[in-house]
Amino acid sequence: MVDGRRLPGAQDAYKLLPFPRDDTPRECDMFNVIQMLFAGLGAGLILAALTFVTLLIGVLVNAMIALFAGPLIDRLLARKAAA
């Protein structure tokens, strides 16, 4: 609607679609809802898996640093205690 008037040809815009306007059966609506639920669930699971892997790698890297640095810190503390 432009200034209260309909655009010319707007009522025939559905003819540009590659399928007729009302050819989908009502069962497709239920499948569409199920598809949207599964899509949301899948996206959530992917984000959860990415978060889990990120945290896992962060913990492993920090543990590796702590394990490799442990002997160096022990030697440093032994020198300070002896002095």
Protein backbone atom coordinates (compact mmCIF):
# COMPACT_ATOMS: atom_id res chain seq x y z
CA MET A 1 0.00 0.00 0.00
CA VAL A 2 1.35 3.37 -1.02
CA ASP A 3 -0.59 6.38 0.24
CA GLY A 4 -3.65 4.19 0.77
CA ARG A 5 -3.53 2.82 -2.79
CA ARG A 6 -2.57 -0.66 -3.88
CA LEU A 7 0.45 -1.02 -6.08
CA PRO A 8 -0.46 -2.02 -9.62
CA GLY A 9 0.09 -5.72 -10.17
CA ALA A 10 0.69 -6.46 -6.47
CA GLN A 11 -2.21 -8.89 -6.32
CA ASP A 12 -0.57 -10.96 -9.07
CA ALA A 13 2.87 -11.11 -7.43
CA TYR A 14 2.32 -14.75 -6.41
CA LYS A 15 2.51 -15.68 -10.09
CA LEU A 16 6.26 -15.02 -9.93
CA LEU A 17 6.73 -17.89 -7.47
CA PRO A 18 7.98 -21.22 -8.87
CA PHE A 19 4.96 -23.02 -7.33
CA PRO A 20 1.27 -22.30 -7.09
CA ARG A 21 0.12 -20.24 -4.13
CA ASP A 22 -1.97 -22.81 -2.19
CA ASP A 23 -0.65 -26.22 -3.25
CA THR A 24 0.94 -27.32 0.05
CA PRO A 25 -1.09 -29.83 2.06
CA ARG A 26 -1.72 -29.18 5.76
CA GLU A 27 0.56 -32.09 6.77
CA CYS A 28 3.55 -30.10 5.51
CA ASP A 29 2.95 -27.50 8.22
CA MET A 30 3.49 -30.12 10.93
CA PHE A 31 6.65 -31.36 9.22
CA ASN A 32 7.85 -27.77 9.02
CA VAL A 33 7.45 -27.40 12.80
CA ILE A 34 9.30 -30.68 13.40
CA GLN A 35 12.07 -29.61 11.03
CA MET A 36 12.45 -26.29 12.85
CA LEU A 37 12.62 -28.08 16.22
CA PHE A 38 15.28 -30.49 14.97
CA ALA A 39 17.23 -27.64 13.34
CA GLY A 40 17.25 -25.69 16.61
CA LEU A 41 18.21 -28.79 18.57
CA GLY A 42 21.02 -29.58 16.13
CA ALA A 43 22.35 -26.03 16.24
CA GLY A 44 22.29 -26.10 20.04
CA LEU A 45 24.14 -29.41 20.13
CA ILE A 46 26.79 -28.12 17.72
CA LEU A 47 27.34 -25.03 19.89
CA ALA A 48 27.52 -27.20 23.02
CA ALA A 49 30.06 -29.51 21.36
CA LEU A 50 32.20 -26.55 20.27
CA THR A 51 32.09 -25.11 23.79
CA PHE A 52 33.02 -28.47 25.29
CA VAL A 53 35.95 -28.99 22.93
CA THR A 54 37.20 -25.44 23.53
CA LEU A 55 37.13 -25.92 27.30
CA LEU A 56 38.73 -29.36 27.01
CA ILE A 57 41.61 -28.05 24.93
CA GLY A 58 42.08 -25.11 27.32
CA VAL A 59 42.24 -27.43 30.33
CA LEU A 60 44.65 -29.80 28.59
CA VAL A 61 46.98 -27.00 27.53
CA ASN A 62 47.03 -25.54 31.03
CA ALA A 63 47.65 -28.98 32.55
CA MET A 64 50.51 -29.61 30.13
CA ILE A 65 52.10 -26.27 31.02
CA ALA A 66 51.74 -26.99 34.73
CA LEU A 67 53.22 -30.48 34.38
CA PHE A 68 56.20 -29.34 32.32
CA ALA A 69 56.84 -26.28 34.49
CA GLY A 70 56.57 -28.25 37.75
CA PRO A 71 60.21 -29.42 37.90
CA LEU A 72 61.51 -25.94 37.05
CA ILE A 73 59.41 -24.38 39.82
CA ASP A 74 60.57 -27.07 42.27
CA ARG A 75 64.23 -26.29 41.50
CA LEU A 76 63.62 -22.57 41.88
CA LEU A 77 61.88 -23.02 45.22
CA ALA A 78 64.64 -25.38 46.43
CA ARG A 79 67.30 -22.75 45.63
CA LYS A 80 65.36 -20.06 47.49
CA ALA A 81 64.84 -22.34 50.49
CA ALA A 82 68.57 -23.22 50.61
CA ALA A 83 69.61 -19.58 50.45
